[in-house]
Amino acid sequence: MSSSGPQYPVVEPAPDPAAPAAPAAQPVPGPTAPGPLPTALRALRAVLAGIWQGDPVTSLRIAAHHSARSLLLWWLVLLANGVLAGMLVASFVAKSAQGAASVTNSLLDPFTGGYTSSYVDDAFSVPVSTLLGVIVTVALLVVAVLVLRTVTVFWTFGVRGARGRFRDAAAVVATSASATPVLLAVAWVLSLIPGAGGALLALAVLAVGGLGLAVVSEALVYVGLNRTVRFTKSPLVPHASLTVAHVALCMTLFGIANVVALASLLG
């Protein structure tokens, strides 16, 4: 029978303090989520693509999904409509002033030999501050019009007893007004063409394209009303009534704005 000697613990060698420590594993960063504005822009592009491809239901669903978390898409559509409309009106104002100066010079030049041309040009020139004021004023009016439109859609929910939220109405209006900035941008670019031809071409595009967009917009609003919430009765009558009230109120607002602008110019 074999015997073993006493057992001693195994002592590990102490680590060398001069040896570098092994680097700790760094976590691999994942893909960063896009910010609110890129997300809203991507949603707007998807909404426009759905309308262009003849699939408004998908456009309404995308807008509703985005508006359930944020109203940024709605604000983006409102501001795009307002700023582009203001830029277009400012371009028309500058064109009108140039046209008036040209007509006046053509009438006076035979008698003055062109001596008064510089004075006429100065008299009809539009300051940059005035053009900026036109852009801001028109933008605020257009935003107010679209906000009122959202309110009328929201009221339509309540008249029929549907459980619709303001966010649902904002999604409907954002979808219906999403294509208008494209038309305004095209008209603005055309209005920059020198001479009266650019302004006339821009007006023609606005007249033809605006009529088509108005029909599409109202159709999208009515489809959105029925797709967003569940009605026990048809929303056709309150929708039509509130649409007429909205148009009348907007015409009143623009009439007051025109009076104020004319008074400021004469004053």
C-alpha atoms as a PDB file:
ATOM      1  CA  MET A   1       0.000   0.000   0.000  1.00  0.00           C
ATOM      2  CA  SER A   2       1.577   3.222  -1.141  1.00  0.00           C
ATOM      3  CA  SER A   3       1.640   6.333   0.914  1.00  0.00           C
ATOM      4  CA  SER A   4       1.826   9.849  -0.346  1.00  0.00           C
ATOM      5  CA  GLY A   5       3.607  12.729   1.231  1.00  0.00           C
ATOM      6  CA  PRO A   6       1.991  15.903   2.497  1.00  0.00           C
ATOM      7  CA  GLN A   7      -0.012  17.915  -0.071  1.00  0.00           C
ATOM      8  CA  TYR A   8       0.988  21.574  -0.567  1.00  0.00           C
ATOM      9  CA  PRO A   9      -1.139  24.189  -2.396  1.00  0.00           C
ATOM     10  CA  VAL A  10       0.011  25.221  -5.821  1.00  0.00           C
ATOM     11  CA  VAL A  11       1.067  28.845  -5.799  1.00  0.00           C
ATOM     12  CA  GLU A  12       0.466  30.719  -9.067  1.00  0.00           C
ATOM     13  CA  PRO A  13       3.175  33.166 -10.109  1.00  0.00           C
ATOM     14  CA  ALA A  14       2.307  36.797  -9.409  1.00  0.00           C
ATOM     15  CA  PRO A  15       1.551  38.870 -12.476  1.00  0.00           C
ATOM     16  CA  ASP A  16       4.264  41.121 -13.705  1.00  0.00           C
ATOM     17  CA  PRO A  17       3.204  44.713 -12.933  1.00  0.00           C
ATOM     18  CA  ALA A  18       5.123  45.975 -15.937  1.00  0.00           C
ATOM     19  CA  ALA A  19       3.167  43.782 -18.356  1.00  0.00           C
ATOM     20  CA  PRO A  20       0.336  45.676 -20.172  1.00  0.00           C
ATOM     21  CA  ALA A  21      -3.185  44.618 -19.303  1.00  0.00           C
ATOM     22  CA  ALA A  22      -5.324  43.089 -22.014  1.00  0.00           C
ATOM     23  CA  PRO A  23      -7.673  45.689 -23.549  1.00  0.00           C
ATOM     24  CA  ALA A  24     -11.325  45.370 -22.583  1.00  0.00           C
ATOM     25  CA  ALA A  25     -13.751  44.447 -25.311  1.00  0.00           C
ATOM     26  CA  GLN A  26     -15.502  47.537 -26.674  1.00  0.00           C
ATOM     27  CA  PRO A  27     -19.201  47.296 -27.510  1.00  0.00           C
ATOM     28  CA  VAL A  28     -19.914  47.518 -31.220  1.00  0.00           C
ATOM     29  CA  PRO A  29     -22.118  50.557 -31.840  1.00  0.00           C
ATOM     30  CA  GLY A  30     -25.365  49.751 -33.619  1.00  0.00           C
ATOM     31  CA  PRO A  31     -26.965  51.825 -36.357  1.00  0.00           C
ATOM     32  CA  THR A  32     -28.269  55.157 -35.059  1.00  0.00           C
ATOM     33  CA  ALA A  33     -31.968  55.841 -35.472  1.00  0.00           C
ATOM     34  CA  PRO A  34     -32.820  58.680 -37.884  1.00  0.00           C
ATOM     35  CA  GLY A  35     -33.904  61.969 -36.371  1.00  0.00           C
ATOM     36  CA  PRO A  36     -37.454  63.332 -36.383  1.00  0.00           C
ATOM     37  CA  LEU A  37     -36.990  65.501 -39.480  1.00  0.00           C
ATOM     38  CA  PRO A  38     -35.496  62.774 -41.735  1.00  0.00           C
ATOM     39  CA  THR A  39     -38.258  60.450 -40.558  1.00  0.00           C
ATOM     40  CA  ALA A  40     -40.913  63.028 -41.463  1.00  0.00           C
ATOM     41  CA  LEU A  41     -39.309  63.667 -44.853  1.00  0.00           C
ATOM     42  CA  ARG A  42     -39.207  59.936 -45.575  1.00  0.00           C
ATOM     43  CA  ALA A  43     -42.873  59.648 -44.584  1.00  0.00           C
ATOM     44  CA  LEU A  44     -43.763  62.577 -46.858  1.00  0.00           C
ATOM     45  CA  ARG A  45     -41.982  60.939 -49.768  1.00  0.00           C
ATOM     46  CA  ALA A  46     -43.871  57.692 -49.120  1.00  0.00           C
ATOM     47  CA  VAL A  47     -47.191  59.574 -48.953  1.00  0.00           C
ATOM     48  CA  LEU A  48     -46.497  61.279 -52.287  1.00  0.00           C
ATOM     49  CA  ALA A  49     -45.446  57.980 -53.845  1.00  0.00           C
ATOM     50  CA  GLY A  50     -48.704  56.360 -52.733  1.00  0.00           C
ATOM     51  CA  ILE A  51     -50.779  59.171 -54.242  1.00  0.00           C
ATOM     52  CA  TRP A  52     -48.814  59.077 -57.490  1.00  0.00           C
ATOM     53  CA  GLN A  53     -49.173  55.295 -57.754  1.00  0.00           C
ATOM     54  CA  GLY A  54     -52.933  55.472 -57.199  1.00  0.00           C
ATOM     55  CA  ASP A  55     -52.853  53.998 -53.705  1.00  0.00           C
ATOM     56  CA  PRO A  56     -54.248  56.748 -51.430  1.00  0.00           C
ATOM     57  CA  VAL A  57     -55.173  54.257 -48.711  1.00  0.00           C
ATOM     58  CA  THR A  58     -51.503  53.443 -48.182  1.00  0.00           C
ATOM     59  CA  SER A  59     -50.666  57.159 -48.102  1.00  0.00           C
ATOM     60  CA  LEU A  60     -53.319  57.767 -45.463  1.00  0.00           C
ATOM     61  CA  ARG A  61     -52.076  54.821 -43.414  1.00  0.00           C
ATOM     62  CA  ILE A  62     -48.472  56.079 -43.524  1.00  0.00           C
ATOM     63  CA  ALA A  63     -49.545  59.576 -42.472  1.00  0.00           C
ATOM     64  CA  ALA A  64     -51.709  58.200 -39.667  1.00  0.00           C
ATOM     65  CA  HIS A  65     -48.867  55.988 -38.411  1.00  0.00           C
ATOM     66  CA  HIS A  66     -46.464  58.930 -38.333  1.00  0.00           C
ATOM     67  CA  SER A  67     -48.998  61.363 -36.829  1.00  0.00           C
ATOM     68  CA  ALA A  68     -49.738  58.925 -34.018  1.00  0.00           C
ATOM     69  CA  ARG A  69     -46.231  59.640 -32.688  1.00  0.00           C
ATOM     70  CA  SER A  70     -45.582  63.197 -33.884  1.00  0.00           C
ATOM     71  CA  LEU A  71     -47.271  66.056 -35.736  1.00  0.00           C
ATOM     72  CA  LEU A  72     -44.025  66.943 -37.518  1.00  0.00           C
ATOM     73  CA  LEU A  73     -45.269  65.599 -40.860  1.00  0.00           C
ATOM     74  CA  TRP A  74     -48.351  67.830 -40.583  1.00  0.00           C
ATOM     75  CA  TRP A  75     -46.260  70.884 -39.727  1.00  0.00           C
ATOM     76  CA  LEU A  76     -43.842  70.079 -42.547  1.00  0.00           C
ATOM     77  CA  VAL A  77     -46.664  70.010 -45.106  1.00  0.00           C
ATOM     78  CA  LEU A  78     -48.168  73.227 -43.714  1.00  0.00           C
ATOM     79  CA  LEU A  79     -44.875  75.117 -43.782  1.00  0.00           C
ATOM     80  CA  ALA A  80     -43.942  73.842 -47.244  1.00  0.00           C
ATOM     81  CA  ASN A  81     -47.268  75.061 -48.626  1.00  0.00           C
ATOM     82  CA  GLY A  82     -46.977  78.401 -46.838  1.00  0.00           C
ATOM     83  CA  VAL A  83     -43.365  79.237 -47.719  1.00  0.00           C
ATOM     84  CA  LEU A  84     -43.647  78.197 -51.372  1.00  0.00           C
ATOM     85  CA  ALA A  85     -46.918  80.097 -51.785  1.00  0.00           C
ATOM     86  CA  GLY A  86     -45.275  83.178 -50.261  1.00  0.00           C
ATOM     87  CA  MET A  87     -42.278  82.892 -52.580  1.00  0.00           C
ATOM     88  CA  LEU A  88     -44.581  82.569 -55.583  1.00  0.00           C
ATOM     89  CA  VAL A  89     -46.653  85.617 -54.630  1.00  0.00           C
ATOM     90  CA  ALA A  90     -43.479  87.627 -53.974  1.00  0.00           C
ATOM     91  CA  SER A  91     -42.223  86.677 -57.439  1.00  0.00           C
ATOM     92  CA  PHE A  92     -45.504  87.864 -58.961  1.00  0.00           C
ATOM     93  CA  VAL A  93     -45.263  91.149 -57.037  1.00  0.00           C
ATOM     94  CA  ALA A  94     -41.749  91.778 -58.343  1.00  0.00           C
ATOM     95  CA  LYS A  95     -42.835  90.862 -61.885  1.00  0.00           C
ATOM     96  CA  SER A  96     -45.803  93.225 -61.676  1.00  0.00           C
ATOM     97  CA  ALA A  97     -43.567  96.083 -60.533  1.00  0.00           C
ATOM     98  CA  GLN A  98     -41.149  95.428 -63.393  1.00  0.00           C
ATOM     99  CA  GLY A  99     -44.008  95.326 -65.874  1.00  0.00           C
ATOM    100  CA  ALA A 100     -45.449  98.590 -64.585  1.00  0.00           C
ATOM    101  CA  ALA A 101     -42.041 100.274 -64.860  1.00  0.00           C
ATOM    102  CA  SER A 102     -41.596  98.975 -68.410  1.00  0.00           C
ATOM    103  CA  VAL A 103     -45.002 100.280 -69.519  1.00  0.00           C
ATOM    104  CA  THR A 104     -44.388 103.653 -67.880  1.00  0.00           C
ATOM    105  CA  ASN A 105     -40.993 104.001 -69.532  1.00  0.00           C
ATOM    106  CA  SER A 106     -42.426 103.131 -72.932  1.00  0.00           C
ATOM    107  CA  LEU A 107     -44.968 105.932 -72.516  1.00  0.00           C
ATOM    108  CA  LEU A 108     -42.511 108.561 -71.264  1.00  0.00           C
ATOM    109  CA  ASP A 109     -39.422 107.789 -73.357  1.00  0.00           C
ATOM    110  CA  PRO A 110     -40.744 109.427 -76.564  1.00  0.00           C
ATOM    111  CA  PHE A 111     -41.121 112.698 -74.652  1.00  0.00           C
ATOM    112  CA  THR A 112     -38.115 112.561 -72.337  1.00  0.00           C
ATOM    113  CA  GLY A 113     -35.630 110.682 -74.490  1.00  0.00           C
ATOM    114  CA  GLY A 114     -35.098 108.082 -71.788  1.00  0.00           C
ATOM    115  CA  TYR A 115     -34.051 110.683 -69.241  1.00  0.00           C
ATOM    116  CA  THR A 116     -36.696 109.576 -66.713  1.00  0.00           C
ATOM    117  CA  SER A 117     -36.056 105.835 -67.029  1.00  0.00           C
ATOM    118  CA  SER A 118     -33.869 105.602 -63.935  1.00  0.00           C
ATOM    119  CA  TYR A 119     -36.383 107.577 -61.885  1.00  0.00           C
ATOM    120  CA  VAL A 120     -39.238 105.347 -63.036  1.00  0.00           C
ATOM    121  CA  ASP A 121     -37.271 102.195 -62.256  1.00  0.00           C
ATOM    122  CA  ASP A 122     -36.522 103.484 -58.780  1.00  0.00           C
ATOM    123  CA  ALA A 123     -40.150 104.453 -58.206  1.00  0.00           C
ATOM    124  CA  PHE A 124     -41.447 101.000 -59.155  1.00  0.00           C
ATOM    125  CA  SER A 125     -38.691  98.962 -57.506  1.00  0.00           C
ATOM    126  CA  VAL A 126     -39.773  96.670 -54.684  1.00  0.00           C
ATOM    127  CA  PRO A 127     -37.492  96.612 -51.614  1.00  0.00           C
ATOM    128  CA  VAL A 128     -36.241  93.269 -50.393  1.00  0.00           C
ATOM    129  CA  SER A 129     -37.864  93.916 -47.014  1.00  0.00           C
ATOM    130  CA  THR A 130     -41.235  94.269 -48.736  1.00  0.00           C
ATOM    131  CA  LEU A 131     -40.771  90.967 -50.580  1.00  0.00           C
ATOM    132  CA  LEU A 132     -39.805  89.241 -47.333  1.00  0.00           C
ATOM    133  CA  GLY A 133     -42.895  90.717 -45.700  1.00  0.00           C
ATOM    134  CA  VAL A 134     -45.021  89.327 -48.537  1.00  0.00           C
ATOM    135  CA  ILE A 135     -43.499  85.865 -48.097  1.00  0.00           C
ATOM    136  CA  VAL A 136     -44.094  85.849 -44.331  1.00  0.00           C
ATOM    137  CA  THR A 137     -47.649  87.217 -44.612  1.00  0.00           C
ATOM    138  CA  VAL A 138     -48.729  84.760 -47.304  1.00  0.00           C
ATOM    139  CA  ALA A 139     -47.065  81.870 -45.457  1.00  0.00           C
ATOM    140  CA  LEU A 140     -48.958  82.693 -42.259  1.00  0.00           C
ATOM    141  CA  LEU A 141     -52.247  82.959 -44.157  1.00  0.00           C
ATOM    142  CA  VAL A 142     -51.758  79.607 -45.889  1.00  0.00           C
ATOM    143  CA  VAL A 143     -50.785  77.908 -42.616  1.00  0.00           C
ATOM    144  CA  ALA A 144     -53.883  79.417 -40.969  1.00  0.00           C
ATOM    145  CA  VAL A 145     -56.052  78.092 -43.811  1.00  0.00           C
ATOM    146  CA  LEU A 146     -54.698  74.555 -43.425  1.00  0.00           C
ATOM    147  CA  VAL A 147     -55.012  74.676 -39.634  1.00  0.00           C
ATOM    148  CA  LEU A 148     -58.656  75.680 -40.025  1.00  0.00           C
ATOM    149  CA  ARG A 149     -59.103  72.829 -42.499  1.00  0.00           C
ATOM    150  CA  THR A 150     -57.746  70.421 -39.909  1.00  0.00           C
ATOM    151  CA  VAL A 151     -60.165  71.821 -37.335  1.00  0.00           C
ATOM    152  CA  THR A 152     -63.148  71.316 -39.673  1.00  0.00           C
ATOM    153  CA  VAL A 153     -62.115  67.705 -40.289  1.00  0.00           C
ATOM    154  CA  PHE A 154     -61.799  67.202 -36.533  1.00  0.00           C
ATOM    155  CA  TRP A 155     -65.251  68.727 -35.996  1.00  0.00           C
ATOM    156  CA  THR A 156     -66.684  66.332 -38.589  1.00  0.00           C
ATOM    157  CA  PHE A 157     -65.609  63.481 -36.317  1.00  0.00           C
ATOM    158  CA  GLY A 158     -67.466  65.028 -33.410  1.00  0.00           C
ATOM    159  CA  VAL A 159     -70.661  65.852 -35.322  1.00  0.00           C
ATOM    160  CA  ARG A 160     -71.121  62.188 -36.220  1.00  0.00           C
ATOM    161  CA  GLY A 161     -70.056  60.990 -32.772  1.00  0.00           C
ATOM    162  CA  ALA A 162     -66.896  59.300 -33.998  1.00  0.00           C
ATOM    163  CA  ARG A 163     -63.917  58.923 -31.667  1.00  0.00           C
ATOM    164  CA  GLY A 164     -61.436  60.787 -33.766  1.00  0.00           C
ATOM    165  CA  ARG A 165     -58.463  62.691 -32.397  1.00  0.00           C
ATOM    166  CA  PHE A 166     -56.896  65.883 -33.674  1.00  0.00           C
ATOM    167  CA  ARG A 167     -53.907  63.781 -34.763  1.00  0.00           C
ATOM    168  CA  ASP A 168     -56.215  61.770 -37.020  1.00  0.00           C
ATOM    169  CA  ALA A 169     -57.508  64.956 -38.644  1.00  0.00           C
ATOM    170  CA  ALA A 170     -53.921  66.208 -39.031  1.00  0.00           C
ATOM    171  CA  ALA A 171     -52.966  62.998 -40.846  1.00  0.00           C
ATOM    172  CA  VAL A 172     -55.884  63.417 -43.265  1.00  0.00           C
ATOM    173  CA  VAL A 173     -55.022  67.050 -44.040  1.00  0.00           C
ATOM    174  CA  ALA A 174     -51.299  66.293 -44.339  1.00  0.00           C
ATOM    175  CA  THR A 175     -52.089  63.650 -46.949  1.00  0.00           C
ATOM    176  CA  SER A 176     -54.548  65.804 -48.888  1.00  0.00           C
ATOM    177  CA  ALA A 177     -52.180  68.815 -49.018  1.00  0.00           C
ATOM    178  CA  SER A 178     -48.931  66.922 -49.558  1.00  0.00           C
ATOM    179  CA  ALA A 179     -48.858  67.318 -53.362  1.00  0.00           C
ATOM    180  CA  THR A 180     -49.568  71.060 -53.437  1.00  0.00           C
ATOM    181  CA  PRO A 181     -45.952  72.116 -52.638  1.00  0.00           C
ATOM    182  CA  VAL A 182     -44.803  70.298 -55.782  1.00  0.00           C
ATOM    183  CA  LEU A 183     -47.144  72.394 -57.942  1.00  0.00           C
ATOM    184  CA  LEU A 184     -46.145  75.597 -56.142  1.00  0.00           C
ATOM    185  CA  ALA A 185     -42.450  74.841 -56.620  1.00  0.00           C
ATOM    186  CA  VAL A 186     -42.902  74.253 -60.365  1.00  0.00           C
ATOM    187  CA  ALA A 187     -44.914  77.469 -60.731  1.00  0.00           C
ATOM    188  CA  TRP A 188     -42.288  79.429 -58.777  1.00  0.00           C
ATOM    189  CA  VAL A 189     -39.474  78.195 -61.016  1.00  0.00           C
ATOM    190  CA  LEU A 190     -41.493  79.149 -64.109  1.00  0.00           C
ATOM    191  CA  SER A 191     -42.187  82.604 -62.671  1.00  0.00           C
ATOM    192  CA  LEU A 192     -38.433  83.275 -62.582  1.00  0.00           C
ATOM    193  CA  ILE A 193     -38.241  83.181 -66.386  1.00  0.00           C
ATOM    194  CA  PRO A 194     -37.482  86.735 -67.556  1.00  0.00           C
ATOM    195  CA  GLY A 195     -40.296  88.694 -69.107  1.00  0.00           C
ATOM    196  CA  ALA A 196     -44.036  88.394 -68.868  1.00  0.00           C
ATOM    197  CA  GLY A 197     -43.982  84.943 -70.460  1.00  0.00           C
ATOM    198  CA  GLY A 198     -42.706  83.301 -67.291  1.00  0.00           C
ATOM    199  CA  ALA A 199     -45.469  84.779 -65.155  1.00  0.00           C
ATOM    200  CA  LEU A 200     -48.154  83.809 -67.676  1.00  0.00           C
ATOM    201  CA  LEU A 201     -46.800  80.263 -67.896  1.00  0.00           C
ATOM    202  CA  ALA A 202     -46.739  79.982 -64.111  1.00  0.00           C
ATOM    203  CA  LEU A 203     -50.348  81.201 -63.917  1.00  0.00           C
ATOM    204  CA  ALA A 204     -51.405  78.676 -66.546  1.00  0.00           C
ATOM    205  CA  VAL A 205     -49.745  75.833 -64.635  1.00  0.00           C
ATOM    206  CA  LEU A 206     -51.409  77.007 -61.430  1.00  0.00           C
ATOM    207  CA  ALA A 207     -54.828  77.221 -63.064  1.00  0.00           C
ATOM    208  CA  VAL A 208     -54.734  73.773 -64.662  1.00  0.00           C
ATOM    209  CA  GLY A 209     -52.781  71.948 -61.970  1.00  0.00           C
ATOM    210  CA  GLY A 210     -54.569  73.695 -59.128  1.00  0.00           C
ATOM    211  CA  LEU A 211     -57.972  72.589 -60.374  1.00  0.00           C
ATOM    212  CA  GLY A 212     -56.853  68.975 -60.581  1.00  0.00           C
ATOM    213  CA  LEU A 213     -55.182  69.093 -57.175  1.00  0.00           C
ATOM    214  CA  ALA A 214     -58.291  70.633 -55.598  1.00  0.00           C
ATOM    215  CA  VAL A 215     -60.390  67.694 -56.793  1.00  0.00           C
ATOM    216  CA  VAL A 216     -57.792  65.158 -55.628  1.00  0.00           C
ATOM    217  CA  SER A 217     -57.406  66.920 -52.279  1.00  0.00           C
ATOM    218  CA  GLU A 218     -61.114  66.886 -51.489  1.00  0.00           C
ATOM    219  CA  ALA A 219     -61.363  63.248 -52.537  1.00  0.00           C
ATOM    220  CA  LEU A 220     -58.469  62.382 -50.209  1.00  0.00           C
ATOM    221  CA  VAL A 221     -60.137  64.228 -47.326  1.00  0.00           C
ATOM    222  CA  TYR A 222     -63.385  62.299 -47.754  1.00  0.00           C
ATOM    223  CA  VAL A 223     -61.599  58.963 -48.165  1.00  0.00           C
ATOM    224  CA  GLY A 224     -59.480  59.785 -45.126  1.00  0.00           C
ATOM    225  CA  LEU A 225     -62.553  60.582 -43.048  1.00  0.00           C
ATOM    226  CA  ASN A 226     -64.014  57.160 -43.723  1.00  0.00           C
ATOM    227  CA  ARG A 227     -60.728  55.272 -43.385  1.00  0.00           C
ATOM    228  CA  THR A 228     -59.445  56.943 -40.227  1.00  0.00           C
ATOM    229  CA  VAL A 229     -62.398  56.409 -37.893  1.00  0.00           C
ATOM    230  CA  ARG A 230     -65.558  54.326 -37.857  1.00  0.00           C
ATOM    231  CA  PHE A 231     -68.775  56.299 -38.419  1.00  0.00           C
ATOM    232  CA  THR A 232     -72.256  55.092 -37.555  1.00  0.00           C
ATOM    233  CA  LYS A 233     -73.678  57.553 -40.109  1.00  0.00           C
ATOM    234  CA  SER A 234     -72.207  58.976 -43.282  1.00  0.00           C
ATOM    235  CA  PRO A 235     -70.045  62.086 -42.718  1.00  0.00           C
ATOM    236  CA  LEU A 236     -71.000  63.518 -46.120  1.00  0.00           C
ATOM    237  CA  VAL A 237     -73.424  66.219 -44.918  1.00  0.00           C
ATOM    238  CA  PRO A 238     -71.291  67.643 -42.059  1.00  0.00           C
ATOM    239  CA  HIS A 239     -68.182  67.367 -44.218  1.00  0.00           C
ATOM    240  CA  ALA A 240     -69.800  69.365 -47.034  1.00  0.00           C
ATOM    241  CA  SER A 241     -71.239  71.948 -44.632  1.00  0.00           C
ATOM    242  CA  LEU A 242     -67.972  72.500 -42.794  1.00  0.00           C
ATOM    243  CA  THR A 243     -66.082  72.657 -46.099  1.00  0.00           C
ATOM    244  CA  VAL A 244     -68.342  75.493 -47.273  1.00  0.00           C
ATOM    245  CA  ALA A 245     -67.850  77.271 -43.937  1.00  0.00           C
ATOM    246  CA  HIS A 246     -64.094  76.797 -44.252  1.00  0.00           C
ATOM    247  CA  VAL A 247     -64.023  78.282 -47.763  1.00  0.00           C
ATOM    248  CA  ALA A 248     -66.133  81.261 -46.677  1.00  0.00           C
ATOM    249  CA  LEU A 249     -63.893  81.931 -43.688  1.00  0.00           C
ATOM    250  CA  CYS A 250     -60.754  81.678 -45.813  1.00  0.00           C
ATOM    251  CA  MET A 251     -62.160  84.106 -48.380  1.00  0.00           C
ATOM    252  CA  THR A 252     -62.910  86.515 -45.535  1.00  0.00           C
ATOM    253  CA  LEU A 253     -59.347  86.195 -44.227  1.00  0.00           C
ATOM    254  CA  PHE A 254     -57.825  86.843 -47.638  1.00  0.00           C
ATOM    255  CA  GLY A 255     -60.176  89.794 -48.166  1.00  0.00           C
ATOM    256  CA  ILE A 256     -59.080  91.357 -44.898  1.00  0.00           C
ATOM    257  CA  ALA A 257     -55.425  90.715 -45.775  1.00  0.00           C
ATOM    258  CA  ASN A 258     -55.871  92.425 -49.160  1.00  0.00           C
ATOM    259  CA  VAL A 259     -57.499  95.464 -47.553  1.00  0.00           C
ATOM    260  CA  VAL A 260     -54.707  95.749 -44.987  1.00  0.00           C
ATOM    261  CA  ALA A 261     -52.029  95.380 -47.674  1.00  0.00           C
ATOM    262  CA  LEU A 262     -53.669  98.013 -49.893  1.00  0.00           C
ATOM    263  CA  ALA A 263     -54.005 100.400 -46.973  1.00  0.00           C
ATOM    264  CA  SER A 264     -50.338  99.951 -46.062  1.00  0.00           C
ATOM    265  CA  LEU A 265     -49.269 100.628 -49.661  1.00  0.00           C
ATOM    266  CA  LEU A 266     -51.426 103.748 -49.948  1.00  0.00           C
ATOM    267  CA  GLY A 267     -50.346 104.956 -46.539  1.00  0.00           C
END
